[in-house]
Amino acid sequence: MTCADYCAVLFAALLLPYLYISQWTGDEAGISATIMNGNAITEVSLAHDHTLEVDGARGTSIINIEDGKIRFAASPCLGKQCIHSGWLEHAGEFAACLPNRISVAVLGDEPRFDSINF
């Protein structure tokens, strides 16, 4: 390796931590969340603690809101991926129960993602 190669590797090694900190650490707390059930969209505030029961294609999903966070607490789907996604609290975070056709997205002033594809 030449001196220029070592400089390029050193530059890349120093650039990676900066990019990680500046681009991937979105800490903006969510203000509200949207719950999508088929064509129906409901916006809920994350400021008040409560539990919602949302009817979907396969049954009723239970969604908890506590301390500015939201999560799927129970769902009739088989894989339970929506429950395993855990608490959502930052703007742009998203969880979905695809078999039950229910999704939850946290909203804020600056979302972390501009689009999500499945």
Protein backbone atom coordinates (compact mmCIF):
# COMPACT_ATOMS: atom_id res chain seq x y z
CA MET A 1 0.00 0.00 0.00
CA THR A 2 1.17 3.48 -0.78
CA CYS A 3 1.02 6.55 1.41
CA ALA A 4 -2.10 7.73 -0.44
CA ASP A 5 -3.85 4.42 0.33
CA TYR A 6 -3.10 4.81 4.04
CA CYS A 7 -4.44 8.38 3.96
CA ALA A 8 -7.64 7.24 2.23
CA VAL A 9 -8.21 4.46 4.80
CA LEU A 10 -7.51 6.85 7.70
CA PHE A 11 -9.90 9.44 6.22
CA ALA A 12 -12.67 6.83 5.84
CA ALA A 13 -12.11 5.54 9.40
CA LEU A 14 -12.44 9.08 10.79
CA LEU A 15 -15.46 9.88 8.62
CA LEU A 16 -17.58 6.89 9.69
CA PRO A 17 -18.15 7.93 13.35
CA TYR A 18 -19.09 11.45 12.22
CA LEU A 19 -21.63 10.10 9.71
CA TYR A 20 -23.11 7.73 12.30
CA ILE A 21 -23.60 10.49 14.85
CA SER A 22 -24.92 13.09 12.43
CA GLN A 23 -27.20 10.89 10.31
CA TRP A 24 -28.44 7.93 12.37
CA THR A 25 -29.06 9.24 15.85
CA GLY A 26 -32.45 10.92 15.50
CA ASP A 27 -33.57 11.56 19.05
CA GLU A 28 -36.64 13.66 18.39
CA ALA A 29 -39.45 12.46 20.59
CA GLY A 30 -42.77 11.73 18.96
CA ILE A 31 -45.68 14.10 19.50
CA SER A 32 -48.52 11.96 18.21
CA ALA A 33 -49.11 8.73 16.33
CA THR A 34 -51.33 7.59 13.51
CA ILE A 35 -53.09 4.25 13.70
CA MET A 36 -54.08 2.96 10.28
CA ASN A 37 -56.74 0.29 10.06
CA GLY A 38 -57.48 -0.45 6.44
CA ASN A 39 -58.68 2.89 5.06
CA ALA A 40 -59.41 4.43 8.46
CA ILE A 41 -56.69 6.66 9.93
CA THR A 42 -56.83 7.77 13.56
CA GLU A 43 -54.38 10.25 15.08
CA VAL A 44 -53.75 9.91 18.82
CA SER A 45 -51.70 12.01 21.21
CA LEU A 46 -48.79 10.41 23.03
CA ALA A 47 -49.17 12.81 25.96
CA HIS A 48 -51.88 10.83 27.76
CA ASP A 49 -51.58 7.23 28.94
CA HIS A 50 -54.34 4.96 27.69
CA THR A 51 -55.11 1.68 25.94
CA LEU A 52 -56.85 1.32 22.58
CA GLU A 53 -58.62 -1.67 21.09
CA VAL A 54 -58.47 -1.59 17.29
CA ASP A 55 -60.51 -4.05 15.23
CA GLY A 56 -58.68 -5.48 12.22
CA ALA A 57 -59.14 -8.14 9.58
CA ARG A 58 -58.25 -11.03 11.94
CA GLY A 59 -59.51 -9.65 15.24
CA THR A 60 -58.77 -7.02 17.85
CA SER A 61 -55.30 -5.58 18.46
CA ILE A 62 -54.55 -3.86 21.74
CA ILE A 63 -52.31 -0.78 21.59
CA ASN A 64 -50.80 0.81 24.72
CA ILE A 65 -49.70 4.42 25.08
CA GLU A 66 -47.52 5.21 28.11
CA ASP A 67 -44.98 7.93 28.92
CA GLY A 68 -44.92 9.30 25.36
CA LYS A 69 -44.42 5.85 23.81
CA ILE A 70 -46.74 3.52 21.90
CA ARG A 71 -46.69 -0.24 21.25
CA PHE A 72 -48.74 -3.25 20.20
CA ALA A 73 -49.58 -5.08 23.44
CA ALA A 74 -51.60 -7.92 21.91
CA SER A 75 -52.60 -8.99 18.43
CA PRO A 76 -54.29 -12.04 16.87
CA CYS A 77 -51.59 -12.58 14.23
CA LEU A 78 -49.35 -15.65 14.24
CA GLY A 79 -45.81 -14.26 14.12
CA LYS A 80 -46.37 -11.41 16.61
CA GLN A 81 -43.78 -9.25 14.81
CA CYS A 82 -45.83 -6.18 15.69
CA ILE A 83 -45.51 -6.97 19.40
CA HIS A 84 -41.79 -7.78 19.10
CA SER A 85 -41.14 -4.35 17.59
CA GLY A 86 -41.51 -3.00 21.13
CA TRP A 87 -42.04 0.59 22.23
CA LEU A 88 -42.03 3.29 19.57
CA GLU A 89 -41.10 6.76 20.79
CA HIS A 90 -39.07 8.60 18.14
CA ALA A 91 -40.55 10.44 15.16
CA GLY A 92 -40.59 8.21 12.10
CA GLU A 93 -40.72 4.87 13.88
CA PHE A 94 -43.25 2.41 12.51
CA ALA A 95 -44.78 -0.96 13.41
CA ALA A 96 -47.34 -2.98 11.51
CA CYS A 97 -49.46 -6.07 11.98
CA LEU A 98 -49.80 -6.99 8.33
CA PRO A 99 -52.16 -9.99 8.76
CA ASN A 100 -54.51 -7.84 10.82
CA ARG A 101 -54.01 -4.80 8.52
CA ILE A 102 -53.17 -2.38 11.34
CA SER A 103 -50.13 -0.11 11.47
CA VAL A 104 -48.80 2.50 13.89
CA ALA A 105 -46.51 5.40 12.92
CA VAL A 106 -45.03 7.95 15.32
CA LEU A 107 -45.21 11.54 14.09
CA GLY A 108 -43.02 14.51 14.92
CA ASP A 109 -41.55 17.63 13.37
CA GLU A 110 -38.65 15.82 11.67
CA PRO A 111 -39.19 12.13 10.85
CA ARG A 112 -36.17 9.83 10.62
CA PHE A 113 -37.31 8.30 7.32
CA ASP A 114 -39.00 9.85 4.30
CA SER A 115 -40.56 6.56 3.15
CA ILE A 116 -40.80 2.91 4.13
CA ASN A 117 -41.30 0.10 1.62
CA PHE A 118 -42.37 -3.49 2.20
